[in-house]
Amino acid sequence: MTFFPFEEGSARLQIDDLAIENGAECIALYGRLEIRRDRIGLQDIQALKAQIDAIARELEGSAHLPDRARVAREDRVIPNPFSDRDCA
């Protein structure tokens, strides 16, 4: 599948255990990628570099980037429903 940075519904990529999730406002990278001194390590780092370069090109080509994007989700504390119970 082809990955187009910042296109909603575009492909989610997997490089070893590193995931690159695409969204209209945010691209998330999570997981783990070990770059070893072997052919697979070289392939993995080249694949990651290609995606990072594509993301950078997309951002560089954006005419009106804000200093900081609005956060799509807010971290909030959810009350503990068990806090008023005695579990002893």
C-alpha atoms as a PDB file:
ATOM      1  CA  MET A   1       0.000   0.000   0.000  1.00  0.00           C
ATOM      2  CA  THR A   2       1.058   3.554  -0.649  1.00  0.00           C
ATOM      3  CA  PHE A   3       1.475   5.947   2.252  1.00  0.00           C
ATOM      4  CA  PHE A   4       0.480   9.560   1.629  1.00  0.00           C
ATOM      5  CA  PRO A   5       1.345  11.693   4.691  1.00  0.00           C
ATOM      6  CA  PHE A   6      -1.596  13.423   6.384  1.00  0.00           C
ATOM      7  CA  GLU A   7      -4.249  11.752   4.226  1.00  0.00           C
ATOM      8  CA  GLU A   8      -7.071  10.322   6.314  1.00  0.00           C
ATOM      9  CA  GLY A   9      -7.669   6.680   5.517  1.00  0.00           C
ATOM     10  CA  SER A  10      -4.271   6.231   3.915  1.00  0.00           C
ATOM     11  CA  ALA A  11      -2.216   3.176   4.721  1.00  0.00           C
ATOM     12  CA  ARG A  12      -0.881   2.301   8.143  1.00  0.00           C
ATOM     13  CA  LEU A  13       2.710   1.154   7.808  1.00  0.00           C
ATOM     14  CA  GLN A  14       4.591  -1.416   9.798  1.00  0.00           C
ATOM     15  CA  ILE A  15       8.393  -1.614   9.836  1.00  0.00           C
ATOM     16  CA  ASP A  16       9.308  -4.529  12.079  1.00  0.00           C
ATOM     17  CA  ASP A  17       7.511  -3.612  15.341  1.00  0.00           C
ATOM     18  CA  LEU A  18       7.326   0.120  14.551  1.00  0.00           C
ATOM     19  CA  ALA A  19       3.917   1.342  13.395  1.00  0.00           C
ATOM     20  CA  ILE A  20       3.330   4.562  11.465  1.00  0.00           C
ATOM     21  CA  GLU A  21      -0.329   5.607  11.647  1.00  0.00           C
ATOM     22  CA  ASN A  22      -1.557   8.242   9.280  1.00  0.00           C
ATOM     23  CA  GLY A  23      -4.173  10.873  10.045  1.00  0.00           C
ATOM     24  CA  ALA A  24      -5.317  14.173   8.587  1.00  0.00           C
ATOM     25  CA  GLU A  25      -3.835  16.216  11.443  1.00  0.00           C
ATOM     26  CA  CYS A  26      -1.292  13.882  12.998  1.00  0.00           C
ATOM     27  CA  ILE A  27       1.039  11.016  12.142  1.00  0.00           C
ATOM     28  CA  ALA A  28       1.810   8.725  15.055  1.00  0.00           C
ATOM     29  CA  LEU A  29       4.882   6.521  15.348  1.00  0.00           C
ATOM     30  CA  TYR A  30       4.939   3.899  18.053  1.00  0.00           C
ATOM     31  CA  GLY A  31       6.473   0.570  18.814  1.00  0.00           C
ATOM     32  CA  ARG A  32      10.037  -0.613  18.559  1.00  0.00           C
ATOM     33  CA  LEU A  33      12.513  -0.851  15.722  1.00  0.00           C
ATOM     34  CA  GLU A  34      15.951  -2.346  16.218  1.00  0.00           C
ATOM     35  CA  ILE A  35      18.443  -1.401  13.542  1.00  0.00           C
ATOM     36  CA  ARG A  36      21.052  -4.125  13.409  1.00  0.00           C
ATOM     37  CA  ARG A  37      24.218  -4.150  11.390  1.00  0.00           C
ATOM     38  CA  ASP A  38      22.838  -6.459   8.678  1.00  0.00           C
ATOM     39  CA  ARG A  39      20.846  -6.334   5.416  1.00  0.00           C
ATOM     40  CA  ILE A  40      17.486  -6.296   7.188  1.00  0.00           C
ATOM     41  CA  GLY A  41      18.668  -3.441   9.394  1.00  0.00           C
ATOM     42  CA  LEU A  42      19.668  -1.523   6.266  1.00  0.00           C
ATOM     43  CA  GLN A  43      16.291  -2.199   4.611  1.00  0.00           C
ATOM     44  CA  ASP A  44      14.405  -1.146   7.736  1.00  0.00           C
ATOM     45  CA  ILE A  45      16.303   2.134   8.153  1.00  0.00           C
ATOM     46  CA  GLN A  46      15.892   2.944   4.452  1.00  0.00           C
ATOM     47  CA  ALA A  47      12.135   2.322   4.707  1.00  0.00           C
ATOM     48  CA  LEU A  48      11.876   4.525   7.814  1.00  0.00           C
ATOM     49  CA  LYS A  49      13.981   7.254   6.194  1.00  0.00           C
ATOM     50  CA  ALA A  50      11.765   7.214   3.090  1.00  0.00           C
ATOM     51  CA  GLN A  51       8.663   7.753   5.240  1.00  0.00           C
ATOM     52  CA  ILE A  52      10.278  10.476   7.368  1.00  0.00           C
ATOM     53  CA  ASP A  53      11.451  12.232   4.182  1.00  0.00           C
ATOM     54  CA  ALA A  54       7.926  12.041   2.693  1.00  0.00           C
ATOM     55  CA  ILE A  55       6.436  13.512   5.891  1.00  0.00           C
ATOM     56  CA  ALA A  56       9.060  16.298   5.910  1.00  0.00           C
ATOM     57  CA  ARG A  57       8.356  17.141   2.234  1.00  0.00           C
ATOM     58  CA  GLU A  58       4.632  17.357   2.959  1.00  0.00           C
ATOM     59  CA  LEU A  59       5.200  19.695   5.913  1.00  0.00           C
ATOM     60  CA  GLU A  60       7.735  21.798   3.995  1.00  0.00           C
ATOM     61  CA  GLY A  61       5.218  22.200   1.159  1.00  0.00           C
ATOM     62  CA  SER A  62       2.476  23.423   3.498  1.00  0.00           C
ATOM     63  CA  ALA A  63       2.024  27.170   3.036  1.00  0.00           C
ATOM     64  CA  HIS A  64       0.471  28.046   6.400  1.00  0.00           C
ATOM     65  CA  LEU A  65       1.799  25.917   9.233  1.00  0.00           C
ATOM     66  CA  PRO A  66       0.831  27.116  12.710  1.00  0.00           C
ATOM     67  CA  ASP A  67       3.544  27.342  15.359  1.00  0.00           C
ATOM     68  CA  ARG A  68       1.771  24.565  17.230  1.00  0.00           C
ATOM     69  CA  ALA A  69      -1.186  22.513  16.068  1.00  0.00           C
ATOM     70  CA  ARG A  70      -4.256  22.266  18.241  1.00  0.00           C
ATOM     71  CA  VAL A  71      -4.275  19.004  20.167  1.00  0.00           C
ATOM     72  CA  ALA A  72      -7.070  16.791  18.878  1.00  0.00           C
ATOM     73  CA  ARG A  73      -7.621  15.014  22.161  1.00  0.00           C
ATOM     74  CA  GLU A  74      -7.207  16.270  25.651  1.00  0.00           C
ATOM     75  CA  ASP A  75      -5.657  14.220  28.393  1.00  0.00           C
ATOM     76  CA  ARG A  76      -8.086  14.165  31.263  1.00  0.00           C
ATOM     77  CA  VAL A  77      -8.337  12.448  34.580  1.00  0.00           C
ATOM     78  CA  ILE A  78     -11.189   9.982  34.831  1.00  0.00           C
ATOM     79  CA  PRO A  79     -12.559   9.655  38.366  1.00  0.00           C
ATOM     80  CA  ASN A  80     -11.975   6.282  39.994  1.00  0.00           C
ATOM     81  CA  PRO A  81     -15.415   4.711  40.535  1.00  0.00           C
ATOM     82  CA  PHE A  82     -14.014   2.588  43.360  1.00  0.00           C
ATOM     83  CA  SER A  83     -12.366   5.375  45.367  1.00  0.00           C
ATOM     84  CA  ASP A  84     -15.237   5.675  47.853  1.00  0.00           C
ATOM     85  CA  ARG A  85     -15.383   1.935  48.616  1.00  0.00           C
ATOM     86  CA  ASP A  86     -13.575   0.145  51.396  1.00  0.00           C
ATOM     87  CA  CYS A  87     -12.000  -2.973  49.895  1.00  0.00           C
ATOM     88  CA  ALA A  88     -10.497  -4.250  53.148  1.00  0.00           C
END
